[in-house]
Amino acid sequence: MRQPMFRGIALCSLAVAAACAPSNDRPADTAAATTPVAAAPAATPAATSAPTPTPDTAKPAADAMRLEVDLNARQLYVYKGSQRVASHPVAVGSTKWPTQTGEWTVKQVVFNPEWIPPDESWAEEREPRKPGDPKNPLGRAQLVYDAPRSIHGTNVPSSIGKPVSHGSIRLANDVIVALAREVMTAGGAPKDEAWFEAAKTNKSEKQVVDLPNPIPIKVF
């Protein structure tokens, strides 16, 4: 009777040992299996990356229009990107009333401009001139960048190419009209042919056009 009892005790010991031994069906390290795994770092917020350029902040297009005026050469240059596409002779300021150098933007185009004498000594006895007046010194159109000085037409075409103005830049009337149309289109304010025909026919009616996208101009 003693031999079966010993055999039972041995079998029980083997069962306990088997229960304590690691199994291939569960993790060897129970603690590691129950410890929470650290979360992966969150993705970098989109706000920290470089913003995608919008139409307002994007760089100018490669063919963007700009103007340059060389006072010594008395020439106005039209650029589309890095390419010079046109050159026009201009009248510039005299020695006493020189044209100011610098960089601005053309913000406004005026067809059939009205001339109001500026508050300067040379204009004290001058009379205002209505649009279309043959004696209007602004001619047929005007590009405003540094009022009261601007690029404009003239009622004295013989002055083109000479340093005779009171600081403004003069172009021949046919040239300023064509350039004004280009500037309006490049500046985001194009008009149809009927509009220009009406402005040409109704010379006594002033037409003011503000440019959503001002055109750079450099005078040197």
C-alpha atoms as a PDB file:
ATOM      1  CA  MET A   1       0.000   0.000   0.000  1.00  0.00           C
ATOM      2  CA  ARG A   2       2.904   2.396   0.574  1.00  0.00           C
ATOM      3  CA  GLN A   3       4.114   2.199  -3.064  1.00  0.00           C
ATOM      4  CA  PRO A   4       0.888   3.650  -4.631  1.00  0.00           C
ATOM      5  CA  MET A   5       0.830   6.516  -2.149  1.00  0.00           C
ATOM      6  CA  PHE A   6       4.428   7.470  -3.084  1.00  0.00           C
ATOM      7  CA  ARG A   7       3.533   7.228  -6.741  1.00  0.00           C
ATOM      8  CA  GLY A   8       0.603   9.631  -6.213  1.00  0.00           C
ATOM      9  CA  ILE A   9       2.779  12.144  -4.397  1.00  0.00           C
ATOM     10  CA  ALA A  10       5.326  12.017  -7.263  1.00  0.00           C
ATOM     11  CA  LEU A  11       2.649  12.615  -9.899  1.00  0.00           C
ATOM     12  CA  CYS A  12       1.322  15.593  -7.938  1.00  0.00           C
ATOM     13  CA  SER A  13       4.822  17.094  -7.746  1.00  0.00           C
ATOM     14  CA  LEU A  14       5.255  16.740 -11.498  1.00  0.00           C
ATOM     15  CA  ALA A  15       1.947  18.511 -12.103  1.00  0.00           C
ATOM     16  CA  VAL A  16       2.965  21.434  -9.884  1.00  0.00           C
ATOM     17  CA  ALA A  17       6.326  21.669 -11.649  1.00  0.00           C
ATOM     18  CA  ALA A  18       4.628  21.685 -15.021  1.00  0.00           C
ATOM     19  CA  ALA A  19       2.362  24.494 -13.920  1.00  0.00           C
ATOM     20  CA  CYS A  20       5.372  26.611 -12.857  1.00  0.00           C
ATOM     21  CA  ALA A  21       7.363  26.005 -16.045  1.00  0.00           C
ATOM     22  CA  PRO A  22       7.185  28.606 -18.881  1.00  0.00           C
ATOM     23  CA  SER A  23       4.930  27.733 -21.770  1.00  0.00           C
ATOM     24  CA  ASN A  24       5.353  28.498 -25.465  1.00  0.00           C
ATOM     25  CA  ASP A  25       1.714  29.654 -25.530  1.00  0.00           C
ATOM     26  CA  ARG A  26       2.197  32.701 -23.240  1.00  0.00           C
ATOM     27  CA  PRO A  27       4.887  35.367 -22.802  1.00  0.00           C
ATOM     28  CA  ALA A  28       7.931  34.341 -20.801  1.00  0.00           C
ATOM     29  CA  ASP A  29       7.861  37.731 -19.048  1.00  0.00           C
ATOM     30  CA  THR A  30       4.354  38.238 -17.722  1.00  0.00           C
ATOM     31  CA  ALA A  31       5.233  41.697 -16.354  1.00  0.00           C
ATOM     32  CA  ALA A  32       6.366  42.904 -19.750  1.00  0.00           C
ATOM     33  CA  ALA A  33       3.140  41.709 -21.309  1.00  0.00           C
ATOM     34  CA  THR A  34       1.007  43.662 -18.829  1.00  0.00           C
ATOM     35  CA  THR A  35       3.056  46.929 -18.832  1.00  0.00           C
ATOM     36  CA  PRO A  36       1.458  49.565 -21.160  1.00  0.00           C
ATOM     37  CA  VAL A  37       3.513  50.281 -24.277  1.00  0.00           C
ATOM     38  CA  ALA A  38       4.542  53.946 -24.664  1.00  0.00           C
ATOM     39  CA  ALA A  39       2.522  55.742 -27.354  1.00  0.00           C
ATOM     40  CA  ALA A  40       4.331  56.655 -30.550  1.00  0.00           C
ATOM     41  CA  PRO A  41       5.153  60.375 -30.868  1.00  0.00           C
ATOM     42  CA  ALA A  42       2.339  62.306 -32.517  1.00  0.00           C
ATOM     43  CA  ALA A  43       2.908  63.476 -36.066  1.00  0.00           C
ATOM     44  CA  THR A  44       4.226  67.025 -36.420  1.00  0.00           C
ATOM     45  CA  PRO A  45       1.249  69.372 -36.776  1.00  0.00           C
ATOM     46  CA  ALA A  46       0.760  70.674 -40.299  1.00  0.00           C
ATOM     47  CA  ALA A  47       0.930  74.227 -38.932  1.00  0.00           C
ATOM     48  CA  THR A  48       4.639  73.848 -38.178  1.00  0.00           C
ATOM     49  CA  SER A  49       5.516  73.040 -41.778  1.00  0.00           C
ATOM     50  CA  ALA A  50       6.184  75.717 -44.381  1.00  0.00           C
ATOM     51  CA  PRO A  51       2.863  77.139 -45.620  1.00  0.00           C
ATOM     52  CA  THR A  52       1.858  76.574 -49.200  1.00  0.00           C
ATOM     53  CA  PRO A  53       2.051  79.901 -51.075  1.00  0.00           C
ATOM     54  CA  THR A  54      -1.281  81.492 -51.882  1.00  0.00           C
ATOM     55  CA  PRO A  55      -1.976  83.924 -54.744  1.00  0.00           C
ATOM     56  CA  ASP A  56      -1.371  86.838 -52.335  1.00  0.00           C
ATOM     57  CA  THR A  57       1.943  85.552 -50.931  1.00  0.00           C
ATOM     58  CA  ALA A  58       3.337  83.664 -53.900  1.00  0.00           C
ATOM     59  CA  LYS A  59       6.332  85.057 -55.755  1.00  0.00           C
ATOM     60  CA  PRO A  60       5.556  87.135 -58.849  1.00  0.00           C
ATOM     61  CA  ALA A  61       5.128  85.147 -62.033  1.00  0.00           C
ATOM     62  CA  ALA A  62       8.150  84.779 -64.260  1.00  0.00           C
ATOM     63  CA  ASP A  63       6.507  87.059 -66.841  1.00  0.00           C
ATOM     64  CA  ALA A  64       5.292  89.686 -64.330  1.00  0.00           C
ATOM     65  CA  MET A  65       5.328  93.241 -65.663  1.00  0.00           C
ATOM     66  CA  ARG A  66       7.511  96.014 -64.256  1.00  0.00           C
ATOM     67  CA  LEU A  67       8.689  99.433 -65.389  1.00  0.00           C
ATOM     68  CA  GLU A  68      12.042 101.160 -65.191  1.00  0.00           C
ATOM     69  CA  VAL A  69      12.910 104.750 -66.053  1.00  0.00           C
ATOM     70  CA  ASP A  70      16.514 105.697 -66.802  1.00  0.00           C
ATOM     71  CA  LEU A  71      16.694 109.460 -66.252  1.00  0.00           C
ATOM     72  CA  ASN A  72      20.102 109.883 -67.887  1.00  0.00           C
ATOM     73  CA  ALA A  73      19.079 107.949 -70.988  1.00  0.00           C
ATOM     74  CA  ARG A  74      15.570 109.509 -70.826  1.00  0.00           C
ATOM     75  CA  GLN A  75      14.044 106.161 -71.570  1.00  0.00           C
ATOM     76  CA  LEU A  76      11.221 104.138 -70.048  1.00  0.00           C
ATOM     77  CA  TYR A  77      11.733 100.384 -70.212  1.00  0.00           C
ATOM     78  CA  VAL A  78       8.966  97.793 -70.019  1.00  0.00           C
ATOM     79  CA  TYR A  79       9.927  94.378 -68.655  1.00  0.00           C
ATOM     80  CA  LYS A  80       8.111  91.062 -68.609  1.00  0.00           C
ATOM     81  CA  GLY A  81      10.052  89.039 -66.081  1.00  0.00           C
ATOM     82  CA  SER A  82      13.748  89.460 -66.920  1.00  0.00           C
ATOM     83  CA  GLN A  83      13.102  90.316 -70.562  1.00  0.00           C
ATOM     84  CA  ARG A  84      12.904  93.905 -71.774  1.00  0.00           C
ATOM     85  CA  VAL A  85      10.010  94.046 -74.218  1.00  0.00           C
ATOM     86  CA  ALA A  86       9.765  97.766 -75.001  1.00  0.00           C
ATOM     87  CA  SER A  87      11.599 101.068 -74.691  1.00  0.00           C
ATOM     88  CA  HIS A  88      10.083 104.549 -75.005  1.00  0.00           C
ATOM     89  CA  PRO A  89      11.661 108.030 -74.952  1.00  0.00           C
ATOM     90  CA  VAL A  90      10.448 110.268 -72.121  1.00  0.00           C
ATOM     91  CA  ALA A  91      10.695 113.831 -70.920  1.00  0.00           C
ATOM     92  CA  VAL A  92      12.018 114.100 -67.359  1.00  0.00           C
ATOM     93  CA  GLY A  93      12.449 116.761 -64.701  1.00  0.00           C
ATOM     94  CA  SER A  94      14.611 119.807 -65.238  1.00  0.00           C
ATOM     95  CA  THR A  95      17.678 120.643 -63.163  1.00  0.00           C
ATOM     96  CA  LYS A  96      15.539 122.929 -60.993  1.00  0.00           C
ATOM     97  CA  TRP A  97      12.668 120.447 -60.699  1.00  0.00           C
ATOM     98  CA  PRO A  98      14.331 117.033 -60.962  1.00  0.00           C
ATOM     99  CA  THR A  99      12.459 113.750 -61.159  1.00  0.00           C
ATOM    100  CA  GLN A 100      12.783 111.895 -57.879  1.00  0.00           C
ATOM    101  CA  THR A 101      14.540 108.561 -57.974  1.00  0.00           C
ATOM    102  CA  GLY A 102      13.323 105.516 -56.063  1.00  0.00           C
ATOM    103  CA  GLU A 103      11.043 102.496 -56.245  1.00  0.00           C
ATOM    104  CA  TRP A 104       7.246 102.537 -56.066  1.00  0.00           C
ATOM    105  CA  THR A 105       4.262 100.784 -57.594  1.00  0.00           C
ATOM    106  CA  VAL A 106       1.743 102.047 -60.114  1.00  0.00           C
ATOM    107  CA  LYS A 107      -1.530 101.766 -58.196  1.00  0.00           C
ATOM    108  CA  GLN A 108      -3.890 103.688 -60.460  1.00  0.00           C
ATOM    109  CA  VAL A 109      -4.493 104.369 -64.140  1.00  0.00           C
ATOM    110  CA  VAL A 110      -6.442 107.418 -65.268  1.00  0.00           C
ATOM    111  CA  PHE A 111      -7.828 107.972 -68.747  1.00  0.00           C
ATOM    112  CA  ASN A 112      -8.715 111.576 -69.639  1.00  0.00           C
ATOM    113  CA  PRO A 113      -7.113 112.907 -66.441  1.00  0.00           C
ATOM    114  CA  GLU A 114      -7.982 116.225 -64.859  1.00  0.00           C
ATOM    115  CA  TRP A 115      -5.060 118.509 -64.012  1.00  0.00           C
ATOM    116  CA  ILE A 116      -5.169 120.334 -60.699  1.00  0.00           C
ATOM    117  CA  PRO A 117      -2.169 122.604 -60.070  1.00  0.00           C
ATOM    118  CA  PRO A 118      -0.018 121.111 -57.294  1.00  0.00           C
ATOM    119  CA  ASP A 119       0.853 123.106 -54.200  1.00  0.00           C
ATOM    120  CA  GLU A 120       4.242 124.155 -55.545  1.00  0.00           C
ATOM    121  CA  SER A 121       5.660 127.551 -56.411  1.00  0.00           C
ATOM    122  CA  TRP A 122       5.864 126.941 -60.153  1.00  0.00           C
ATOM    123  CA  ALA A 123       2.115 126.217 -60.323  1.00  0.00           C
ATOM    124  CA  GLU A 124       0.838 129.133 -58.219  1.00  0.00           C
ATOM    125  CA  GLU A 125      -0.667 131.020 -61.166  1.00  0.00           C
ATOM    126  CA  ARG A 126      -1.651 128.031 -63.265  1.00  0.00           C
ATOM    127  CA  GLU A 127      -5.314 127.227 -63.909  1.00  0.00           C
ATOM    128  CA  PRO A 128      -6.890 123.775 -63.496  1.00  0.00           C
ATOM    129  CA  ARG A 129      -7.559 121.929 -66.734  1.00  0.00           C
ATOM    130  CA  LYS A 130     -10.541 119.654 -67.327  1.00  0.00           C
ATOM    131  CA  PRO A 131     -10.284 116.262 -69.061  1.00  0.00           C
ATOM    132  CA  GLY A 132      -9.976 116.694 -72.794  1.00  0.00           C
ATOM    133  CA  ASP A 133      -8.818 120.330 -72.571  1.00  0.00           C
ATOM    134  CA  PRO A 134      -6.152 120.850 -75.261  1.00  0.00           C
ATOM    135  CA  LYS A 135      -4.101 122.742 -72.670  1.00  0.00           C
ATOM    136  CA  ASN A 136      -4.248 119.905 -70.137  1.00  0.00           C
ATOM    137  CA  PRO A 137      -0.557 119.059 -69.464  1.00  0.00           C
ATOM    138  CA  LEU A 138      -1.395 115.449 -68.522  1.00  0.00           C
ATOM    139  CA  GLY A 139      -2.483 114.481 -72.008  1.00  0.00           C
ATOM    140  CA  ARG A 140      -4.676 111.440 -72.632  1.00  0.00           C
ATOM    141  CA  ALA A 141      -3.706 109.106 -69.801  1.00  0.00           C
ATOM    142  CA  GLN A 142      -1.767 108.917 -66.547  1.00  0.00           C
ATOM    143  CA  LEU A 143      -0.038 106.240 -64.444  1.00  0.00           C
ATOM    144  CA  VAL A 144      -0.050 107.310 -60.802  1.00  0.00           C
ATOM    145  CA  TYR A 145       2.795 106.076 -58.599  1.00  0.00           C
ATOM    146  CA  ASP A 146       4.033 109.053 -56.535  1.00  0.00           C
ATOM    147  CA  ALA A 147       1.349 111.725 -56.648  1.00  0.00           C
ATOM    148  CA  PRO A 148       1.352 114.455 -57.763  1.00  0.00           C
ATOM    149  CA  ARG A 149       4.218 113.244 -59.951  1.00  0.00           C
ATOM    150  CA  SER A 150       3.362 110.471 -62.369  1.00  0.00           C
ATOM    151  CA  ILE A 151       3.903 109.088 -65.838  1.00  0.00           C
ATOM    152  CA  HIS A 152       1.517 110.859 -68.190  1.00  0.00           C
ATOM    153  CA  GLY A 153       0.869 112.084 -71.689  1.00  0.00           C
ATOM    154  CA  THR A 154       1.557 115.626 -72.777  1.00  0.00           C
ATOM    155  CA  ASN A 155       0.140 118.552 -74.708  1.00  0.00           C
ATOM    156  CA  VAL A 156       3.696 119.457 -75.773  1.00  0.00           C
ATOM    157  CA  PRO A 157       4.966 116.465 -77.778  1.00  0.00           C
ATOM    158  CA  SER A 158       8.165 118.327 -78.697  1.00  0.00           C
ATOM    159  CA  SER A 159       9.268 118.028 -75.049  1.00  0.00           C
ATOM    160  CA  ILE A 160       9.747 114.257 -75.277  1.00  0.00           C
ATOM    161  CA  GLY A 161      13.382 113.303 -74.808  1.00  0.00           C
ATOM    162  CA  LYS A 162      14.252 116.492 -72.913  1.00  0.00           C
ATOM    163  CA  PRO A 163      14.756 117.419 -69.222  1.00  0.00           C
ATOM    164  CA  VAL A 164      11.986 120.011 -69.090  1.00  0.00           C
ATOM    165  CA  SER A 165       9.213 118.763 -66.773  1.00  0.00           C
ATOM    166  CA  HIS A 166       8.526 119.734 -63.160  1.00  0.00           C
ATOM    167  CA  GLY A 167       9.401 116.250 -61.927  1.00  0.00           C
ATOM    168  CA  SER A 168       6.882 114.107 -63.784  1.00  0.00           C
ATOM    169  CA  ILE A 169       7.716 111.676 -66.575  1.00  0.00           C
ATOM    170  CA  ARG A 170       6.110 112.457 -69.931  1.00  0.00           C
ATOM    171  CA  LEU A 171       5.310 110.099 -72.774  1.00  0.00           C
ATOM    172  CA  ALA A 172       3.778 110.766 -76.173  1.00  0.00           C
ATOM    173  CA  ASN A 173      -0.030 110.457 -75.983  1.00  0.00           C
ATOM    174  CA  ASP A 174      -0.272 107.404 -78.222  1.00  0.00           C
ATOM    175  CA  VAL A 175       2.426 105.657 -76.179  1.00  0.00           C
ATOM    176  CA  ILE A 176       0.867 106.409 -72.779  1.00  0.00           C
ATOM    177  CA  VAL A 177      -2.542 105.192 -73.957  1.00  0.00           C
ATOM    178  CA  ALA A 178      -1.101 101.872 -75.163  1.00  0.00           C
ATOM    179  CA  LEU A 179       1.042 101.479 -72.035  1.00  0.00           C
ATOM    180  CA  ALA A 180      -1.922 102.270 -69.771  1.00  0.00           C
ATOM    181  CA  ARG A 181      -3.886  99.436 -71.365  1.00  0.00           C
ATOM    182  CA  GLU A 182      -1.012  97.004 -70.779  1.00  0.00           C
ATOM    183  CA  VAL A 183      -0.618  98.122 -67.163  1.00  0.00           C
ATOM    184  CA  MET A 184      -4.344  97.687 -66.499  1.00  0.00           C
ATOM    185  CA  THR A 185      -4.278  94.128 -67.833  1.00  0.00           C
ATOM    186  CA  ALA A 186      -1.093  93.198 -65.970  1.00  0.00           C
ATOM    187  CA  GLY A 187      -2.428  94.872 -62.831  1.00  0.00           C
ATOM    188  CA  GLY A 188      -5.599  92.800 -62.744  1.00  0.00           C
ATOM    189  CA  ALA A 189      -8.047  95.393 -64.078  1.00  0.00           C
ATOM    190  CA  PRO A 190      -8.527  94.628 -67.787  1.00  0.00           C
ATOM    191  CA  LYS A 191     -11.254  96.326 -69.807  1.00  0.00           C
ATOM    192  CA  ASP A 192     -12.873  95.333 -73.085  1.00  0.00           C
ATOM    193  CA  GLU A 193     -12.511  97.176 -76.366  1.00  0.00           C
ATOM    194  CA  ALA A 194     -15.836  98.970 -75.901  1.00  0.00           C
ATOM    195  CA  TRP A 195     -14.568 100.555 -72.674  1.00  0.00           C
ATOM    196  CA  PHE A 196     -11.447 101.928 -74.332  1.00  0.00           C
ATOM    197  CA  GLU A 197     -13.410 103.142 -77.324  1.00  0.00           C
ATOM    198  CA  ALA A 198     -15.764 105.031 -74.998  1.00  0.00           C
ATOM    199  CA  ALA A 199     -12.806 106.580 -73.144  1.00  0.00           C
ATOM    200  CA  LYS A 200     -11.298 107.634 -76.467  1.00  0.00           C
ATOM    201  CA  THR A 201     -14.561 109.108 -77.764  1.00  0.00           C
ATOM    202  CA  ASN A 202     -15.631 110.861 -74.546  1.00  0.00           C
ATOM    203  CA  LYS A 203     -12.458 112.813 -73.903  1.00  0.00           C
ATOM    204  CA  SER A 204     -14.147 115.063 -71.349  1.00  0.00           C
ATOM    205  CA  GLU A 205     -15.086 112.118 -69.111  1.00  0.00           C
ATOM    206  CA  LYS A 206     -12.453 111.106 -66.572  1.00  0.00           C
ATOM    207  CA  GLN A 207     -12.010 107.357 -66.026  1.00  0.00           C
ATOM    208  CA  VAL A 208     -10.154 106.176 -62.902  1.00  0.00           C
ATOM    209  CA  VAL A 209      -9.057 102.536 -62.591  1.00  0.00           C
ATOM    210  CA  ASP A 210      -7.488 101.186 -59.379  1.00  0.00           C
ATOM    211  CA  LEU A 211      -5.152  98.227 -59.824  1.00  0.00           C
ATOM    212  CA  PRO A 212      -5.670  95.159 -57.566  1.00  0.00           C
ATOM    213  CA  ASN A 213      -2.091  94.130 -58.347  1.00  0.00           C
ATOM    214  CA  PRO A 214       0.098  97.276 -58.490  1.00  0.00           C
ATOM    215  CA  ILE A 215       2.901  97.305 -61.041  1.00  0.00           C
ATOM    216  CA  PRO A 216       6.464  97.869 -59.750  1.00  0.00           C
ATOM    217  CA  ILE A 217       8.348 100.892 -61.084  1.00  0.00           C
ATOM    218  CA  LYS A 218      11.951 101.922 -60.538  1.00  0.00           C
ATOM    219  CA  VAL A 219      13.265 105.387 -61.401  1.00  0.00           C
ATOM    220  CA  PHE A 220      17.020 105.806 -61.416  1.00  0.00           C
END
